[in-house]
Amino acid sequence: MNKALFSLLLCVPQMLLGNSLPKPQYTPGGVVNIALDSVASPAPEVFFQKKRVLVIEKDQQWVAVVGIPLKAKIGQHSIQVKSAAETMQINFDIVDKDYPAQYITIKNKRMVNPNPDDIKRITSERPAINKALNTWTQQVVDDLSFSLPVQGRLSSPFGLKRFFNKQPKNPHSGLDIAAAKGTTISAPASGLVIDTGSYYYNGNTVFLDHGQGLITGYFHMSKISVKAGQIVEQGTKLGEVGETGRVTGPHLHWNVYLNKTKVDPALFVPELSKPETAQ
């Protein structure tokens, strides 16, 4: 793997566009942009809940881009900022957001209540998925503006309170884009393919590394067109829409992770100025 080339590919296209931050949303599942010191000083290390945070330069100032977990408590939180001179704490507040509920009927009941063999498979898959999501590549990240990875109907927004066959499950952790099977899925930004795989719930999957813990995931694919270790540019074909894993029809489930936290992908897409437009 040529990390120098990977870093260059991440930086050059974004510099042509001009750096951009995700839309701030001070709620569980949102993103908080916190201004730090001037870029005259080296970039500090920033941590939130003991997890390393992405730091980007914006208007000659370092900015911490913090992912807020869906399970975050309402109220005051803080980041720890470590520079060569000192360690300091910066506080910020998280407010509540009432995500709507979604009730889904799954015909394959094992996708709601897995049998012992299914659970064994699910357990065996976790290390590979966790390894991908724990990726940290220390490099400059110049822009956080994504394009939509597939053209289609935005069928399920992030954060929905989900009920499968009337049973409460984890909230919806990504953005669903419904499209015909075989529709091209493209990289929303330059990155490095961390890994690919076929998993019980996620189906055929690709994980991309965009630097400093910014990871994107693409699930339920019918075809995967890239390999682990491959460098991709914005627009590179990753694969095709499918209906593998736990689905009710062909679509792409798209996840965005910051500091090992699932956040709303719509906040990174300029054309989706308000996440609610995904409903």
Protein backbone atom coordinates (compact mmCIF):
# COMPACT_ATOMS: atom_id res chain seq x y z
CA MET A 1 0.00 0.00 0.00
CA ASN A 2 1.43 3.40 -1.03
CA LYS A 3 0.34 5.65 1.85
CA ALA A 4 2.04 8.72 0.36
CA LEU A 5 0.03 8.34 -2.85
CA PHE A 6 -3.15 7.72 -0.82
CA SER A 7 -2.57 10.93 1.14
CA LEU A 8 -1.91 12.87 -2.08
CA LEU A 9 -5.09 11.60 -3.70
CA LEU A 10 -7.08 12.61 -0.63
CA CYS A 11 -5.68 16.10 -0.62
CA VAL A 12 -5.48 17.21 -4.25
CA PRO A 13 -9.13 16.89 -5.38
CA GLN A 14 -10.42 18.49 -2.23
CA MET A 15 -8.03 21.43 -2.47
CA LEU A 16 -9.45 22.12 -5.91
CA LEU A 17 -12.91 22.28 -4.37
CA GLY A 18 -11.93 24.27 -1.31
CA ASN A 19 -12.18 22.72 2.14
CA SER A 20 -15.60 22.23 3.64
CA LEU A 21 -17.04 21.07 6.95
CA PRO A 22 -20.10 18.88 7.51
CA LYS A 23 -23.32 20.61 8.49
CA PRO A 24 -23.22 20.96 12.32
CA GLN A 25 -25.97 19.28 14.28
CA TYR A 26 -25.73 19.34 18.07
CA THR A 27 -27.87 16.24 18.63
CA PRO A 28 -27.28 12.50 19.14
CA GLY A 29 -26.10 11.17 15.78
CA GLY A 30 -24.96 14.62 14.69
CA VAL A 31 -21.61 16.30 14.09
CA VAL A 32 -20.09 19.17 16.10
CA ASN A 33 -17.40 21.42 14.60
CA ILE A 34 -15.27 23.04 17.33
CA ALA A 35 -12.76 25.79 16.52
CA LEU A 36 -9.31 25.35 18.07
CA ASP A 37 -5.98 27.21 17.72
CA SER A 38 -4.53 28.96 14.70
CA VAL A 39 -2.72 26.78 12.16
CA ALA A 40 0.40 28.75 13.11
CA SER A 41 0.72 26.02 15.75
CA PRO A 42 0.93 22.29 14.93
CA ALA A 43 -2.37 20.45 14.83
CA PRO A 44 -3.35 19.30 18.36
CA GLU A 45 -4.56 15.83 19.27
CA VAL A 46 -8.24 15.84 20.21
CA PHE A 47 -10.24 13.18 22.05
CA PHE A 48 -13.94 12.72 22.72
CA GLN A 49 -14.98 9.99 25.14
CA LYS A 50 -11.38 8.67 24.89
CA LYS A 51 -11.63 8.32 21.11
CA ARG A 52 -9.38 10.23 18.72
CA VAL A 53 -11.12 13.01 16.78
CA LEU A 54 -10.51 14.26 13.24
CA VAL A 55 -8.87 17.70 13.01
CA ILE A 56 -9.06 19.77 9.82
CA GLU A 57 -7.78 23.21 8.79
CA LYS A 58 -10.49 25.77 8.01
CA ASP A 59 -9.84 29.47 7.42
CA GLN A 60 -6.37 29.32 9.00
CA GLN A 61 -7.73 27.65 12.12
CA TRP A 62 -7.73 24.04 13.33
CA VAL A 63 -11.23 22.61 13.74
CA ALA A 64 -12.18 19.43 15.59
CA VAL A 65 -14.94 17.51 13.78
CA VAL A 66 -16.67 15.42 16.45
CA GLY A 67 -19.11 12.58 15.85
CA ILE A 68 -21.85 12.34 18.50
CA PRO A 69 -23.20 8.83 19.28
CA LEU A 70 -26.92 8.19 18.94
CA LYS A 71 -26.85 7.06 22.58
CA ALA A 72 -25.21 10.29 23.81
CA LYS A 73 -26.86 11.85 26.85
CA ILE A 74 -28.49 15.24 26.50
CA GLY A 75 -26.55 18.02 28.18
CA GLN A 76 -22.94 19.14 28.47
CA HIS A 77 -20.07 17.19 26.92
CA SER A 78 -16.42 18.03 26.40
CA ILE A 79 -13.41 17.32 24.22
CA GLN A 80 -9.82 17.07 25.44
CA VAL A 81 -7.32 19.03 23.37
CA LYS A 82 -3.65 18.08 23.69
CA SER A 83 -1.02 20.42 22.25
CA ALA A 84 2.70 20.68 22.85
CA ALA A 85 2.09 23.46 25.38
CA GLU A 86 -0.92 22.20 27.35
CA THR A 87 -3.96 19.96 27.66
CA MET A 88 -7.27 21.75 27.85
CA GLN A 89 -10.98 20.95 27.87
CA ILE A 90 -13.63 22.53 25.66
CA ASN A 91 -17.29 22.09 26.58
CA PHE A 92 -20.33 21.96 24.31
CA ASP A 93 -23.99 21.06 24.73
CA ILE A 94 -26.05 18.35 23.05
CA VAL A 95 -29.80 18.85 22.65
CA ASP A 96 -32.48 16.23 22.08
CA LYS A 97 -33.82 15.17 18.71
CA ASP A 98 -36.98 13.13 18.31
CA TYR A 99 -36.26 10.64 15.54
CA PRO A 100 -39.42 9.09 14.05
CA ALA A 101 -40.26 5.38 14.28
CA GLN A 102 -40.24 2.93 11.38
CA TYR A 103 -42.00 -0.44 11.37
CA ILE A 104 -40.64 -3.05 8.97
CA THR A 105 -41.87 -6.54 8.18
CA ILE A 106 -39.08 -9.02 7.42
CA LYS A 107 -40.21 -12.22 5.70
CA ASN A 108 -37.02 -14.10 6.64
CA LYS A 109 -37.64 -14.41 10.38
CA ARG A 110 -34.04 -15.53 10.99
CA MET A 111 -32.99 -11.98 10.10
CA VAL A 112 -34.97 -10.82 13.13
CA ASN A 113 -34.31 -13.75 15.46
CA PRO A 114 -31.15 -15.57 14.33
CA ASN A 115 -30.77 -19.27 15.18
CA PRO A 116 -27.66 -20.58 17.01
CA ASP A 117 -25.76 -21.18 13.75
CA ASP A 118 -26.58 -17.66 12.59
CA ILE A 119 -25.40 -16.21 15.88
CA LYS A 120 -22.13 -18.15 15.54
CA ARG A 121 -21.63 -16.62 12.11
CA ILE A 122 -22.52 -13.11 13.31
CA THR A 123 -20.04 -13.45 16.18
CA SER A 124 -17.29 -14.69 13.85
CA GLU A 125 -17.78 -11.67 11.58
CA ARG A 126 -17.43 -9.03 14.28
CA PRO A 127 -13.58 -8.97 14.46
CA ALA A 128 -13.21 -8.15 10.75
CA ILE A 129 -15.85 -5.42 10.94
CA ASN A 130 -14.37 -3.96 14.13
CA LYS A 131 -10.88 -3.97 12.63
CA ALA A 132 -12.13 -1.96 9.67
CA LEU A 133 -13.97 0.55 11.86
CA ASN A 134 -10.97 0.98 14.18
CA THR A 135 -8.79 2.18 11.28
CA TRP A 136 -6.89 5.40 11.94
CA THR A 137 -4.71 6.88 9.17
CA GLN A 138 -2.80 9.95 10.31
CA GLN A 139 -2.84 12.35 7.38
CA VAL A 140 -4.13 15.72 6.24
CA VAL A 141 -7.86 15.79 5.47
CA ASP A 142 -8.73 18.85 3.40
CA ASP A 143 -12.42 18.55 2.65
CA LEU A 144 -15.44 16.82 4.18
CA SER A 145 -17.86 17.37 1.33
CA PHE A 146 -19.28 14.13 -0.12
CA SER A 147 -21.31 13.35 -3.21
CA LEU A 148 -24.17 10.85 -3.00
CA PRO A 149 -22.77 7.36 -3.69
CA VAL A 150 -25.78 6.26 -5.73
CA GLN A 151 -28.60 7.90 -7.62
CA GLY A 152 -31.95 6.84 -6.22
CA ARG A 153 -34.75 7.58 -3.79
CA LEU A 154 -33.72 8.46 -0.24
CA SER A 155 -35.92 5.83 1.37
CA SER A 156 -34.90 5.74 5.05
CA PRO A 157 -33.09 8.59 6.82
CA PHE A 158 -30.60 8.21 9.63
CA GLY A 159 -31.69 7.69 13.23
CA LEU A 160 -35.11 6.08 12.77
CA LYS A 161 -36.36 4.12 15.78
CA ARG A 162 -36.71 0.73 14.16
CA PHE A 163 -39.10 -2.12 14.79
CA PHE A 164 -38.65 -5.37 12.85
CA ASN A 165 -41.78 -7.56 12.94
CA LYS A 166 -42.94 -5.33 15.81
CA GLN A 167 -39.74 -6.02 17.80
CA PRO A 168 -37.64 -2.98 18.84
CA LYS A 169 -34.15 -3.02 17.34
CA ASN A 170 -31.19 -0.64 17.14
CA PRO A 171 -31.88 2.75 15.51
CA HIS A 172 -31.18 3.12 11.81
CA SER A 173 -27.47 3.83 11.65
CA GLY A 174 -27.15 5.10 8.08
CA LEU A 175 -28.89 6.54 5.04
CA ASP A 176 -30.81 4.18 2.74
CA ILE A 177 -30.93 4.94 -0.97
CA ALA A 178 -33.39 2.78 -2.90
CA ALA A 179 -32.41 1.96 -6.50
CA ALA A 180 -32.74 -0.87 -8.97
CA LYS A 181 -30.49 -3.88 -8.55
CA GLY A 182 -27.30 -3.30 -10.51
CA THR A 183 -27.28 0.50 -10.13
CA THR A 184 -23.71 1.78 -9.82
CA ILE A 185 -22.39 2.71 -6.37
CA SER A 186 -19.58 5.29 -6.55
CA ALA A 187 -17.09 6.55 -3.99
CA PRO A 188 -18.42 9.84 -2.53
CA ALA A 189 -14.84 11.04 -1.96
CA SER A 190 -11.31 9.77 -2.48
CA GLY A 191 -10.13 7.10 -0.09
CA LEU A 192 -8.58 3.70 0.46
CA VAL A 193 -10.49 0.42 0.47
CA ILE A 194 -9.94 -0.96 3.96
CA ASP A 195 -11.74 -4.23 3.39
CA THR A 196 -14.62 -5.96 1.65
CA GLY A 197 -16.74 -8.88 2.81
CA SER A 198 -20.06 -10.69 2.90
CA TYR A 199 -21.81 -10.46 6.27
CA TYR A 200 -24.99 -11.83 7.79
CA TYR A 201 -26.83 -8.54 8.33
CA ASN A 202 -24.87 -6.21 6.03
CA GLY A 203 -24.61 -8.49 3.01
CA ASN A 204 -21.86 -7.65 0.51
CA THR A 205 -19.92 -4.78 2.05
CA VAL A 206 -17.15 -2.26 1.29
CA PHE A 207 -15.37 -0.07 3.86
CA LEU A 208 -13.45 3.06 2.80
CA ASP A 209 -10.87 5.03 4.80
CA HIS A 210 -10.89 8.79 4.17
CA GLY A 211 -8.32 9.62 6.84
CA GLN A 212 -8.23 10.38 10.59
CA GLY A 213 -10.97 7.91 11.52
CA LEU A 214 -13.44 9.07 8.87
CA ILE A 215 -14.77 5.75 7.53
CA THR A 216 -17.64 5.06 5.14
CA GLY A 217 -19.48 1.76 4.71
CA TYR A 218 -21.56 0.43 1.80
CA PHE A 219 -23.92 -2.48 2.48
CA HIS A 220 -26.32 -4.92 0.72
CA MET A 221 -24.41 -4.77 -2.57
CA SER A 222 -25.05 -7.27 -5.37
CA LYS A 223 -21.53 -6.86 -6.75
CA ILE A 224 -18.24 -5.55 -5.34
CA SER A 225 -15.88 -3.93 -7.87
CA VAL A 226 -12.92 -3.01 -5.63
CA LYS A 227 -10.37 -4.84 -3.51
CA ALA A 228 -8.77 -4.21 -0.11
CA GLY A 229 -5.80 -1.87 -0.42
CA GLN A 230 -7.11 -0.20 -3.58
CA ILE A 231 -6.97 3.59 -3.80
CA VAL A 232 -10.16 5.16 -5.16
CA GLU A 233 -11.02 8.67 -6.27
CA GLN A 234 -14.37 10.40 -6.00
CA GLY A 235 -16.64 8.73 -8.54
CA THR A 236 -14.75 5.41 -8.70
CA LYS A 237 -17.17 2.51 -9.01
CA LEU A 238 -17.29 0.52 -5.77
CA GLY A 239 -19.93 -1.98 -6.89
CA GLU A 240 -23.63 -2.28 -7.56
CA VAL A 241 -26.86 -1.98 -5.59
CA GLY A 242 -28.29 -5.28 -4.38
CA GLU A 243 -30.44 -6.88 -1.72
CA THR A 244 -27.99 -9.05 0.20
CA GLY A 245 -28.17 -9.36 3.99
CA ARG A 246 -31.16 -8.06 5.95
CA VAL A 247 -33.27 -6.15 3.43
CA THR A 248 -36.81 -5.75 2.16
CA GLY A 249 -35.73 -4.72 -1.34
CA PRO A 250 -32.72 -3.48 -3.36
CA HIS A 251 -31.02 -0.44 -1.88
CA LEU A 252 -27.72 0.91 -0.60
CA HIS A 253 -27.33 1.35 3.14
CA TRP A 254 -24.60 3.99 3.56
CA ASN A 255 -22.84 4.54 6.86
CA VAL A 256 -20.46 7.33 7.90
CA TYR A 257 -18.25 6.90 10.97
CA LEU A 258 -16.34 9.61 12.88
CA ASN A 259 -14.25 8.81 15.97
CA LYS A 260 -15.70 5.26 15.82
CA THR A 261 -19.22 6.70 15.91
CA LYS A 262 -22.03 6.35 13.37
CA VAL A 263 -23.26 9.79 12.30
CA ASP A 264 -25.80 11.09 9.80
CA PRO A 265 -24.33 10.82 6.25
CA ALA A 266 -26.66 13.59 5.01
CA LEU A 267 -24.62 16.12 7.02
CA PHE A 268 -21.69 15.53 4.63
CA VAL A 269 -23.66 16.00 1.40
CA PRO A 270 -24.10 19.69 0.43
CA GLU A 271 -27.21 19.03 -1.69
CA LEU A 272 -28.93 17.60 1.41
CA SER A 273 -28.88 20.90 3.30
CA LYS A 274 -31.32 19.47 5.84
CA PRO A 275 -31.19 15.80 6.87
CA GLU A 276 -35.00 15.80 7.01
CA THR A 277 -35.11 15.98 3.19
CA ALA A 278 -34.15 12.28 3.23
CA GLN A 279 -37.58 11.32 4.49
